[in-house]
């Protein structure tokens, strides 16, 4: 009976370690916590862009991966690009901003 208990304990510990390793991030895939953090960053950037009266936020796409915000889409002026990048950089948790926006 003691052997069964030890085997069961070892199995549970091994299963817990494998499960925890499955939630870890890699260079191409986020862990669960990072995904939530990035979702929060994306939402905050989108909200701030929406609140900016001079920007057409519906034409700016926002994606975040490991704290790096990527802005893409079409805007009317270079000033709009600069303002959108400035807004994204101001959000807590943003490591850097990648600008892929284009002038129409």
PDB file of N, CA and C in Angstrom:
ATOM      1  N   UNK A   1       0.824  -1.190   0.000  1.00  0.00           N
ATOM      2  CA  UNK A   1       0.000   0.000   0.000  1.00  0.00           C
ATOM      3  C   UNK A   1       0.867   1.252   0.000  1.00  0.00           C
ATOM      4  N   UNK A   2       1.998   1.222   0.754  1.00  0.00           N
ATOM      5  CA  UNK A   2       2.885   2.371   0.784  1.00  0.00           C
ATOM      6  C   UNK A   2       3.481   2.618  -0.597  1.00  0.00           C
ATOM      7  N   UNK A   3       3.796   1.528  -1.312  1.00  0.00           N
ATOM      8  CA  UNK A   3       4.367   1.651  -2.653  1.00  0.00           C
ATOM      9  C   UNK A   3       3.357   2.333  -3.583  1.00  0.00           C
ATOM     10  N   UNK A   4       2.098   1.957  -3.483  1.00  0.00           N
ATOM     11  CA  UNK A   4       1.054   2.557  -4.316  1.00  0.00           C
ATOM     12  C   UNK A   4       0.919   4.046  -4.000  1.00  0.00           C
ATOM     13  N   UNK A   5       0.979   4.397  -2.736  1.00  0.00           N
ATOM     14  CA  UNK A   5       0.874   5.793  -2.322  1.00  0.00           C
ATOM     15  C   UNK A   5       2.044   6.624  -2.877  1.00  0.00           C
ATOM     16  N   UNK A   6       3.246   6.066  -2.806  1.00  0.00           N
ATOM     17  CA  UNK A   6       4.418   6.762  -3.331  1.00  0.00           C
ATOM     18  C   UNK A   6       4.317   6.928  -4.848  1.00  0.00           C
ATOM     19  N   UNK A   7       3.854   5.888  -5.515  1.00  0.00           N
ATOM     20  CA  UNK A   7       3.708   5.932  -6.969  1.00  0.00           C
ATOM     21  C   UNK A   7       2.651   6.969  -7.358  1.00  0.00           C
ATOM     22  N   UNK A   8       1.555   6.990  -6.641  1.00  0.00           N
ATOM     23  CA  UNK A   8       0.488   7.955  -6.915  1.00  0.00           C
ATOM     24  C   UNK A   8       0.978   9.383  -6.684  1.00  0.00           C
ATOM     25  N   UNK A   9       1.713   9.595  -5.618  1.00  0.00           N
ATOM     26  CA  UNK A   9       2.260  10.921  -5.321  1.00  0.00           C
ATOM     27  C   UNK A   9       3.230  11.351  -6.418  1.00  0.00           C
ATOM     28  N   UNK A  10       4.087  10.454  -6.833  1.00  0.00           N
ATOM     29  CA  UNK A  10       5.050  10.764  -7.894  1.00  0.00           C
ATOM     30  C   UNK A  10       4.321  11.097  -9.196  1.00  0.00           C
ATOM     31  N   UNK A  11       3.268  10.360  -9.488  1.00  0.00           N
ATOM     32  CA  UNK A  11       2.483  10.611 -10.699  1.00  0.00           C
ATOM     33  C   UNK A  11       1.829  11.990 -10.649  1.00  0.00           C
ATOM     34  N   UNK A  12       1.265  12.346  -9.521  1.00  0.00           N
ATOM     35  CA  UNK A  12       0.601  13.646  -9.377  1.00  0.00           C
ATOM     36  C   UNK A  12       1.600  14.786  -9.502  1.00  0.00           C
ATOM     37  N   UNK A  13       2.752  14.652  -8.889  1.00  0.00           N
ATOM     38  CA  UNK A  13       3.792  15.683  -8.983  1.00  0.00           C
ATOM     39  C   UNK A  13       4.266  15.819 -10.426  1.00  0.00           C
ATOM     40  N   UNK A  14       4.496  14.699 -11.102  1.00  0.00           N
ATOM     41  CA  UNK A  14       4.930  14.728 -12.505  1.00  0.00           C
ATOM     42  C   UNK A  14       3.871  15.384 -13.379  1.00  0.00           C
ATOM     43  N   UNK A  15       2.637  15.049 -13.176  1.00  0.00           N
ATOM     44  CA  UNK A  15       1.540  15.635 -13.944  1.00  0.00           C
ATOM     45  C   UNK A  15       1.459  17.143 -13.714  1.00  0.00           C
ATOM     46  N   UNK A  16       1.645  17.578 -12.488  1.00  0.00           N
ATOM     47  CA  UNK A  16       1.616  19.012 -12.174  1.00  0.00           C
ATOM     48  C   UNK A  16       2.758  19.750 -12.868  1.00  0.00           C
ATOM     49  N   UNK A  17       3.939  19.149 -12.878  1.00  0.00           N
ATOM     50  CA  UNK A  17       5.090  19.769 -13.545  1.00  0.00           C
ATOM     51  C   UNK A  17       4.891  19.858 -15.052  1.00  0.00           C
ATOM     52  N   UNK A  18       4.354  18.813 -15.643  1.00  0.00           N
ATOM     53  CA  UNK A  18       4.096  18.829 -17.085  1.00  0.00           C
ATOM     54  C   UNK A  18       3.051  19.881 -17.424  1.00  0.00           C
ATOM     55  N   UNK A  19       2.017  19.985 -16.614  1.00  0.00           N
ATOM     56  CA  UNK A  19       0.977  20.982 -16.839  1.00  0.00           C
ATOM     57  C   UNK A  19       1.544  22.388 -16.723  1.00  0.00           C
ATOM     58  N   UNK A  20       2.365  22.623 -15.730  1.00  0.00           N
ATOM     59  CA  UNK A  20       2.971  23.950 -15.556  1.00  0.00           C
ATOM     60  C   UNK A  20       3.894  24.278 -16.718  1.00  0.00           C
ATOM     61  N   UNK A  21       4.624  23.308 -17.206  1.00  0.00           N
ATOM     62  CA  UNK A  21       5.521  23.535 -18.348  1.00  0.00           C
ATOM     63  C   UNK A  21       4.720  23.851 -19.605  1.00  0.00           C
ATOM     64  N   UNK A  22       3.548  23.278 -19.720  1.00  0.00           N
ATOM     65  CA  UNK A  22       2.694  23.549 -20.876  1.00  0.00           C
ATOM     66  C   UNK A  22       2.180  24.968 -20.910  1.00  0.00           C
ATOM     67  N   UNK A  23       2.135  25.654 -19.782  1.00  0.00           N
ATOM     68  CA  UNK A  23       1.676  27.039 -19.712  1.00  0.00           C
ATOM     69  C   UNK A  23       2.815  28.032 -19.889  1.00  0.00           C
ATOM     70  N   UNK A  24       4.030  27.547 -19.951  1.00  0.00           N
ATOM     71  CA  UNK A  24       5.184  28.435 -20.104  1.00  0.00           C
ATOM     72  C   UNK A  24       5.226  28.989 -21.516  1.00  0.00           C
ATOM     73  N   UNK A  25       5.829  30.158 -21.643  1.00  0.00           N
ATOM     74  CA  UNK A  25       5.897  30.768 -22.960  1.00  0.00           C
ATOM     75  C   UNK A  25       7.166  30.355 -23.688  1.00  0.00           C
ATOM     76  N   UNK A  26       7.110  30.457 -24.994  1.00  0.00           N
ATOM     77  CA  UNK A  26       8.270  30.256 -25.839  1.00  0.00           C
ATOM     78  C   UNK A  26       8.459  31.523 -26.656  1.00  0.00           C
ATOM     79  N   UNK A  27       9.474  31.554 -27.504  1.00  0.00           N
ATOM     80  CA  UNK A  27       9.717  32.766 -28.285  1.00  0.00           C
ATOM     81  C   UNK A  27       8.607  33.033 -29.300  1.00  0.00           C
ATOM     82  N   UNK A  28       7.844  32.013 -29.663  1.00  0.00           N
ATOM     83  CA  UNK A  28       6.788  32.189 -30.661  1.00  0.00           C
ATOM     84  C   UNK A  28       5.388  32.015 -30.090  1.00  0.00           C
ATOM     85  N   UNK A  29       5.294  31.660 -28.833  1.00  0.00           N
ATOM     86  CA  UNK A  29       3.998  31.406 -28.226  1.00  0.00           C
ATOM     87  C   UNK A  29       3.967  31.994 -26.827  1.00  0.00           C
ATOM     88  N   UNK A  30       2.868  32.623 -26.485  1.00  0.00           N
ATOM     89  CA  UNK A  30       2.718  33.233 -25.170  1.00  0.00           C
ATOM     90  C   UNK A  30       2.201  32.221 -24.159  1.00  0.00           C
ATOM     91  N   UNK A  31       2.556  32.449 -22.900  1.00  0.00           N
ATOM     92  CA  UNK A  31       1.952  31.692 -21.820  1.00  0.00           C
ATOM     93  C   UNK A  31       0.595  32.310 -21.505  1.00  0.00           C
ATOM     94  N   UNK A  32      -0.167  31.656 -20.664  1.00  0.00           N
ATOM     95  CA  UNK A  32      -1.516  32.129 -20.359  1.00  0.00           C
ATOM     96  C   UNK A  32      -1.511  33.521 -19.720  1.00  0.00           C
ATOM     97  N   UNK A  33      -0.599  33.758 -18.801  1.00  0.00           N
ATOM     98  CA  UNK A  33      -0.525  35.063 -18.139  1.00  0.00           C
ATOM     99  C   UNK A  33      -0.129  36.163 -19.089  1.00  0.00           C
ATOM    100  N   UNK A  34       0.813  35.873 -19.980  1.00  0.00           N
ATOM    101  CA  UNK A  34       1.239  36.872 -20.961  1.00  0.00           C
ATOM    102  C   UNK A  34       0.105  37.194 -21.923  1.00  0.00           C
ATOM    103  N   UNK A  35      -0.687  36.188 -22.295  1.00  0.00           N
ATOM    104  CA  UNK A  35      -1.807  36.412 -23.203  1.00  0.00           C
ATOM    105  C   UNK A  35      -2.796  37.380 -22.579  1.00  0.00           C
ATOM    106  N   UNK A  36      -3.087  37.191 -21.305  1.00  0.00           N
ATOM    107  CA  UNK A  36      -4.014  38.091 -20.613  1.00  0.00           C
ATOM    108  C   UNK A  36      -3.421  39.489 -20.539  1.00  0.00           C
ATOM    109  N   UNK A  37      -2.140  39.603 -20.187  1.00  0.00           N
ATOM    110  CA  UNK A  37      -1.487  40.908 -20.123  1.00  0.00           C
ATOM    111  C   UNK A  37      -1.543  41.609 -21.470  1.00  0.00           C
ATOM    112  N   UNK A  38      -1.250  40.883 -22.549  1.00  0.00           N
ATOM    113  CA  UNK A  38      -1.278  41.471 -23.882  1.00  0.00           C
ATOM    114  C   UNK A  38      -2.691  41.889 -24.284  1.00  0.00           C
ATOM    115  N   UNK A  39      -3.681  41.116 -23.883  1.00  0.00           N
ATOM    116  CA  UNK A  39      -5.069  41.478 -24.179  1.00  0.00           C
ATOM    117  C   UNK A  39      -5.449  42.775 -23.484  1.00  0.00           C
ATOM    118  N   UNK A  40      -4.990  42.935 -22.259  1.00  0.00           N
ATOM    119  CA  UNK A  40      -5.263  44.166 -21.506  1.00  0.00           C
ATOM    120  C   UNK A  40      -4.585  45.355 -22.181  1.00  0.00           C
ATOM    121  N   UNK A  41      -3.340  45.178 -22.592  1.00  0.00           N
ATOM    122  CA  UNK A  41      -2.614  46.248 -23.280  1.00  0.00           C
ATOM    123  C   UNK A  41      -3.342  46.630 -24.570  1.00  0.00           C
ATOM    124  N   UNK A  42      -3.724  45.639 -25.364  1.00  0.00           N
ATOM    125  CA  UNK A  42      -4.429  45.904 -26.624  1.00  0.00           C
ATOM    126  C   UNK A  42      -5.712  46.679 -26.372  1.00  0.00           C
ATOM    127  N   UNK A  43      -6.469  46.271 -25.369  1.00  0.00           N
ATOM    128  CA  UNK A  43      -7.727  46.947 -25.045  1.00  0.00           C
ATOM    129  C   UNK A  43      -7.484  48.386 -24.621  1.00  0.00           C
ATOM    130  N   UNK A  44      -6.465  48.613 -23.805  1.00  0.00           N
ATOM    131  CA  UNK A  44      -6.165  49.973 -23.356  1.00  0.00           C
ATOM    132  C   UNK A  44      -5.733  50.855 -24.517  1.00  0.00           C
ATOM    133  N   UNK A  45      -4.895  50.329 -25.407  1.00  0.00           N
ATOM    134  CA  UNK A  45      -4.448  51.119 -26.567  1.00  0.00           C
ATOM    135  C   UNK A  45      -5.645  51.463 -27.448  1.00  0.00           C
ATOM    136  N   UNK A  46      -6.494  50.481 -27.731  1.00  0.00           N
ATOM    137  CA  UNK A  46      -7.679  50.729 -28.561  1.00  0.00           C
ATOM    138  C   UNK A  46      -8.585  51.784 -27.932  1.00  0.00           C
ATOM    139  N   UNK A  47      -8.776  51.710 -26.619  1.00  0.00           N
ATOM    140  CA  UNK A  47      -9.633  52.688 -25.931  1.00  0.00           C
ATOM    141  C   UNK A  47      -9.042  54.093 -26.008  1.00  0.00           C
ATOM    142  N   UNK A  48      -7.739  54.196 -25.814  1.00  0.00           N
ATOM    143  CA  UNK A  48      -7.094  55.509 -25.879  1.00  0.00           C
ATOM    144  C   UNK A  48      -7.145  56.069 -27.310  1.00  0.00           C
ATOM    145  N   UNK A  49      -6.965  55.228 -28.299  1.00  0.00           N
ATOM    146  CA  UNK A  49      -7.063  55.672 -29.690  1.00  0.00           C
ATOM    147  C   UNK A  49      -8.492  56.124 -30.007  1.00  0.00           C
ATOM    148  N   UNK A  50      -9.471  55.406 -29.477  1.00  0.00           N
ATOM    149  CA  UNK A  50     -10.872  55.748 -29.698  1.00  0.00           C
ATOM    150  C   UNK A  50     -11.215  57.101 -29.076  1.00  0.00           C
ATOM    151  N   UNK A  51     -10.617  57.386 -27.923  1.00  0.00           N
ATOM    152  CA  UNK A  51     -10.888  58.649 -27.224  1.00  0.00           C
ATOM    153  C   UNK A  51     -10.193  59.846 -27.870  1.00  0.00           C
ATOM    154  N   UNK A  52      -9.283  59.588 -28.785  1.00  0.00           N
ATOM    155  CA  UNK A  52      -8.567  60.677 -29.459  1.00  0.00           C
ATOM    156  C   UNK A  52      -9.452  61.207 -30.601  1.00  0.00           C
ATOM    157  N   UNK A  53      -9.940  62.455 -30.486  1.00  0.00           N
ATOM    158  CA  UNK A  53     -10.918  62.953 -31.456  1.00  0.00           C
ATOM    159  C   UNK A  53     -10.381  63.101 -32.887  1.00  0.00           C
ATOM    160  N   UNK A  54      -9.099  63.312 -33.058  1.00  0.00           N
ATOM    161  CA  UNK A  54      -8.552  63.538 -34.397  1.00  0.00           C
ATOM    162  C   UNK A  54      -8.168  62.254 -35.129  1.00  0.00           C
ATOM    163  N   UNK A  55      -8.210  61.128 -34.447  1.00  0.00           N
ATOM    164  CA  UNK A  55      -7.832  59.862 -35.077  1.00  0.00           C
ATOM    165  C   UNK A  55      -9.068  59.071 -35.475  1.00  0.00           C
ATOM    166  N   UNK A  56      -8.977  58.424 -36.614  1.00  0.00           N
ATOM    167  CA  UNK A  56     -10.027  57.494 -37.031  1.00  0.00           C
ATOM    168  C   UNK A  56      -9.610  56.115 -36.529  1.00  0.00           C
ATOM    169  N   UNK A  57      -9.924  55.859 -35.286  1.00  0.00           N
ATOM    170  CA  UNK A  57      -9.423  54.650 -34.627  1.00  0.00           C
ATOM    171  C   UNK A  57      -9.942  53.372 -35.267  1.00  0.00           C
ATOM    172  N   UNK A  58     -11.052  53.442 -35.974  1.00  0.00           N
ATOM    173  CA  UNK A  58     -11.585  52.256 -36.637  1.00  0.00           C
ATOM    174  C   UNK A  58     -10.708  51.774 -37.766  1.00  0.00           C
ATOM    175  N   UNK A  59      -9.798  52.617 -38.223  1.00  0.00           N
ATOM    176  CA  UNK A  59      -8.910  52.237 -39.321  1.00  0.00           C
ATOM    177  C   UNK A  59      -7.509  51.875 -38.837  1.00  0.00           C
ATOM    178  N   UNK A  60      -7.321  51.835 -37.521  1.00  0.00           N
ATOM    179  CA  UNK A  60      -6.036  51.455 -36.945  1.00  0.00           C
ATOM    180  C   UNK A  60      -6.210  50.118 -36.227  1.00  0.00           C
ATOM    181  N   UNK A  61      -5.449  49.132 -36.661  1.00  0.00           N
ATOM    182  CA  UNK A  61      -5.476  47.808 -36.029  1.00  0.00           C
ATOM    183  C   UNK A  61      -4.390  47.742 -34.963  1.00  0.00           C
ATOM    184  N   UNK A  62      -4.718  47.112 -33.837  1.00  0.00           N
ATOM    185  CA  UNK A  62      -3.784  46.993 -32.718  1.00  0.00           C
ATOM    186  C   UNK A  62      -3.638  45.523 -32.360  1.00  0.00           C
ATOM    187  N   UNK A  63      -2.397  45.052 -32.330  1.00  0.00           N
ATOM    188  CA  UNK A  63      -2.091  43.693 -31.875  1.00  0.00           C
ATOM    189  C   UNK A  63      -0.919  43.776 -30.911  1.00  0.00           C
ATOM    190  N   UNK A  64      -0.926  42.917 -29.902  1.00  0.00           N
ATOM    191  CA  UNK A  64       0.150  42.923 -28.909  1.00  0.00           C
ATOM    192  C   UNK A  64       0.661  41.505 -28.715  1.00  0.00           C
ATOM    193  N   UNK A  65       1.992  41.363 -28.697  1.00  0.00           N
ATOM    194  CA  UNK A  65       2.623  40.069 -28.429  1.00  0.00           C
ATOM    195  C   UNK A  65       3.819  40.318 -27.535  1.00  0.00           C
ATOM    196  N   UNK A  66       3.756  39.774 -26.324  1.00  0.00           N
ATOM    197  CA  UNK A  66       4.822  39.912 -25.329  1.00  0.00           C
ATOM    198  C   UNK A  66       5.192  41.372 -25.088  1.00  0.00           C
ATOM    199  N   UNK A  67       4.170  42.231 -24.995  1.00  0.00           N
ATOM    200  CA  UNK A  67       4.387  43.632 -24.681  1.00  0.00           C
ATOM    201  C   UNK A  67       4.740  44.504 -25.862  1.00  0.00           C
ATOM    202  N   UNK A  68       4.922  43.910 -27.032  1.00  0.00           N
ATOM    203  CA  UNK A  68       5.231  44.682 -28.231  1.00  0.00           C
ATOM    204  C   UNK A  68       3.926  44.953 -28.978  1.00  0.00           C
ATOM    205  N   UNK A  69       3.583  46.231 -29.083  1.00  0.00           N
ATOM    206  CA  UNK A  69       2.343  46.632 -29.738  1.00  0.00           C
ATOM    207  C   UNK A  69       2.628  46.898 -31.209  1.00  0.00           C
ATOM    208  N   UNK A  70       1.821  46.312 -32.074  1.00  0.00           N
ATOM    209  CA  UNK A  70       1.939  46.549 -33.507  1.00  0.00           C
ATOM    210  C   UNK A  70       0.713  47.331 -33.962  1.00  0.00           C
ATOM    211  N   UNK A  71       0.957  48.497 -34.553  1.00  0.00           N
ATOM    212  CA  UNK A  71      -0.101  49.332 -35.103  1.00  0.00           C
ATOM    213  C   UNK A  71      -0.061  49.208 -36.614  1.00  0.00           C
ATOM    214  N   UNK A  72      -1.208  48.951 -37.218  1.00  0.00           N
ATOM    215  CA  UNK A  72      -1.276  48.870 -38.674  1.00  0.00           C
ATOM    216  C   UNK A  72      -2.585  49.501 -39.137  1.00  0.00           C
ATOM    217  N   UNK A  73      -2.669  49.772 -40.415  1.00  0.00           N
ATOM    218  CA  UNK A  73      -3.856  50.387 -40.976  1.00  0.00           C
ATOM    219  C   UNK A  73      -3.501  51.652 -41.735  1.00  0.00           C
ATOM    220  N   UNK A  74      -4.519  52.431 -42.036  1.00  0.00           N
ATOM    221  CA  UNK A  74      -4.333  53.632 -42.833  1.00  0.00           C
ATOM    222  C   UNK A  74      -4.800  54.865 -42.069  1.00  0.00           C
ATOM    223  N   UNK A  75      -3.997  55.919 -42.127  1.00  0.00           N
ATOM    224  CA  UNK A  75      -4.327  57.184 -41.481  1.00  0.00           C
ATOM    225  C   UNK A  75      -4.135  58.319 -42.485  1.00  0.00           C
ATOM    226  N   UNK A  76      -4.617  59.506 -42.124  1.00  0.00           N
ATOM    227  CA  UNK A  76      -4.624  60.631 -43.052  1.00  0.00           C
ATOM    228  C   UNK A  76      -3.332  61.425 -43.090  1.00  0.00           C
ATOM    229  N   UNK A  77      -2.577  61.422 -41.980  1.00  0.00           N
ATOM    230  CA  UNK A  77      -1.389  62.280 -41.949  1.00  0.00           C
ATOM    231  C   UNK A  77      -0.275  61.657 -41.117  1.00  0.00           C
ATOM    232  N   UNK A  78       0.913  62.202 -41.302  1.00  0.00           N
ATOM    233  CA  UNK A  78       2.068  61.764 -40.512  1.00  0.00           C
ATOM    234  C   UNK A  78       1.838  62.096 -39.034  1.00  0.00           C
ATOM    235  N   UNK A  79       1.147  63.195 -38.766  1.00  0.00           N
ATOM    236  CA  UNK A  79       0.820  63.566 -37.390  1.00  0.00           C
ATOM    237  C   UNK A  79      -0.060  62.531 -36.708  1.00  0.00           C
ATOM    238  N   UNK A  80      -0.992  61.936 -37.482  1.00  0.00           N
ATOM    239  CA  UNK A  80      -1.849  60.880 -36.930  1.00  0.00           C
ATOM    240  C   UNK A  80      -1.017  59.645 -36.564  1.00  0.00           C
ATOM    241  N   UNK A  81      -0.045  59.318 -37.398  1.00  0.00           N
ATOM    242  CA  UNK A  81       0.844  58.185 -37.107  1.00  0.00           C
ATOM    243  C   UNK A  81       1.610  58.452 -35.819  1.00  0.00           C
ATOM    244  N   UNK A  82       2.198  59.641 -35.733  1.00  0.00           N
ATOM    245  CA  UNK A  82       2.986  59.990 -34.543  1.00  0.00           C
ATOM    246  C   UNK A  82       2.129  59.971 -33.282  1.00  0.00           C
ATOM    247  N   UNK A  83       0.904  60.489 -33.379  1.00  0.00           N
ATOM    248  CA  UNK A  83       0.016  60.529 -32.205  1.00  0.00           C
ATOM    249  C   UNK A  83      -0.375  59.115 -31.768  1.00  0.00           C
ATOM    250  N   UNK A  84      -0.682  58.244 -32.719  1.00  0.00           N
ATOM    251  CA  UNK A  84      -1.061  56.869 -32.388  1.00  0.00           C
ATOM    252  C   UNK A  84       0.101  56.134 -31.713  1.00  0.00           C
ATOM    253  N   UNK A  85       1.307  56.323 -32.229  1.00  0.00           N
ATOM    254  CA  UNK A  85       2.490  55.693 -31.623  1.00  0.00           C
ATOM    255  C   UNK A  85       2.714  56.247 -30.219  1.00  0.00           C
ATOM    256  N   UNK A  86       2.557  57.551 -30.066  1.00  0.00           N
ATOM    257  CA  UNK A  86       2.725  58.189 -28.755  1.00  0.00           C
ATOM    258  C   UNK A  86       1.725  57.636 -27.737  1.00  0.00           C
ATOM    259  N   UNK A  87       0.486  57.469 -28.176  1.00  0.00           N
ATOM    260  CA  UNK A  87      -0.551  56.925 -27.291  1.00  0.00           C
ATOM    261  C   UNK A  87      -0.196  55.495 -26.882  1.00  0.00           C
ATOM    262  N   UNK A  88       0.212  54.673 -27.839  1.00  0.00           N
ATOM    263  CA  UNK A  88       0.543  53.279 -27.531  1.00  0.00           C
ATOM    264  C   UNK A  88       1.713  53.203 -26.553  1.00  0.00           C
ATOM    265  N   UNK A  89       2.707  54.048 -26.744  1.00  0.00           N
ATOM    266  CA  UNK A  89       3.880  54.033 -25.848  1.00  0.00           C
ATOM    267  C   UNK A  89       3.528  54.463 -24.426  1.00  0.00           C
ATOM    268  N   UNK A  90       2.462  55.233 -24.286  1.00  0.00           N
ATOM    269  CA  UNK A  90       2.107  55.753 -22.967  1.00  0.00           C
ATOM    270  C   UNK A  90       1.422  54.720 -22.074  1.00  0.00           C
ATOM    271  N   UNK A  91       1.028  53.598 -22.628  1.00  0.00           N
ATOM    272  CA  UNK A  91       0.306  52.568 -21.879  1.00  0.00           C
ATOM    273  C   UNK A  91       1.300  51.743 -21.057  1.00  0.00           C
ATOM    274  N   UNK A  92       0.970  51.556 -19.782  1.00  0.00           N
ATOM    275  CA  UNK A  92       1.815  50.754 -18.898  1.00  0.00           C
ATOM    276  C   UNK A  92       1.872  49.314 -19.406  1.00  0.00           C
ATOM    277  N   UNK A  93       3.081  48.766 -19.452  1.00  0.00           N
ATOM    278  CA  UNK A  93       3.272  47.396 -19.887  1.00  0.00           C
ATOM    279  C   UNK A  93       3.748  47.271 -21.326  1.00  0.00           C
ATOM    280  N   UNK A  94       3.714  48.369 -22.071  1.00  0.00           N
ATOM    281  CA  UNK A  94       4.156  48.337 -23.461  1.00  0.00           C
ATOM    282  C   UNK A  94       5.684  48.383 -23.489  1.00  0.00           C
ATOM    283  N   UNK A  95       6.284  47.350 -24.061  1.00  0.00           N
ATOM    284  CA  UNK A  95       7.748  47.283 -24.152  1.00  0.00           C
ATOM    285  C   UNK A  95       8.247  48.107 -25.329  1.00  0.00           C
ATOM    286  N   UNK A  96       7.552  48.012 -26.456  1.00  0.00           N
ATOM    287  CA  UNK A  96       7.900  48.793 -27.641  1.00  0.00           C
ATOM    288  C   UNK A  96       6.699  48.841 -28.569  1.00  0.00           C
ATOM    289  N   UNK A  97       6.787  49.719 -29.572  1.00  0.00           N
ATOM    290  CA  UNK A  97       5.710  49.885 -30.535  1.00  0.00           C
ATOM    291  C   UNK A  97       6.276  49.690 -31.928  1.00  0.00           C
ATOM    292  N   UNK A  98       5.645  48.819 -32.694  1.00  0.00           N
ATOM    293  CA  UNK A  98       6.008  48.594 -34.081  1.00  0.00           C
ATOM    294  C   UNK A  98       4.980  49.304 -34.946  1.00  0.00           C
ATOM    295  N   UNK A  99       5.444  50.248 -35.765  1.00  0.00           N
ATOM    296  CA  UNK A  99       4.546  51.060 -36.574  1.00  0.00           C
ATOM    297  C   UNK A  99       4.494  50.512 -37.995  1.00  0.00           C
ATOM    298  N   UNK A 100       3.346  49.959 -38.380  1.00  0.00           N
ATOM    299  CA  UNK A 100       3.109  49.496 -39.735  1.00  0.00           C
ATOM    300  C   UNK A 100       1.967  50.275 -40.388  1.00  0.00           C
ATOM    301  N   UNK A 101       1.669  51.475 -39.875  1.00  0.00           N
ATOM    302  CA  UNK A 101       0.591  52.283 -40.432  1.00  0.00           C
ATOM    303  C   UNK A 101       1.062  52.943 -41.730  1.00  0.00           C
ATOM    304  N   UNK A 102       0.104  53.179 -42.616  1.00  0.00           N
ATOM    305  CA  UNK A 102       0.386  53.787 -43.919  1.00  0.00           C
ATOM    306  C   UNK A 102      -0.495  55.015 -44.118  1.00  0.00           C
ATOM    307  N   UNK A 103       0.031  55.962 -44.871  1.00  0.00           N
ATOM    308  CA  UNK A 103      -0.735  57.144 -45.241  1.00  0.00           C
ATOM    309  C   UNK A 103      -1.645  56.784 -46.409  1.00  0.00           C
ATOM    310  N   UNK A 104      -2.881  57.326 -46.361  1.00  0.00           N
ATOM    311  CA  UNK A 104      -3.752  57.070 -47.516  1.00  0.00           C
ATOM    312  C   UNK A 104      -3.665  58.228 -48.471  1.00  0.00           C
TER     313      UNK A 104
END
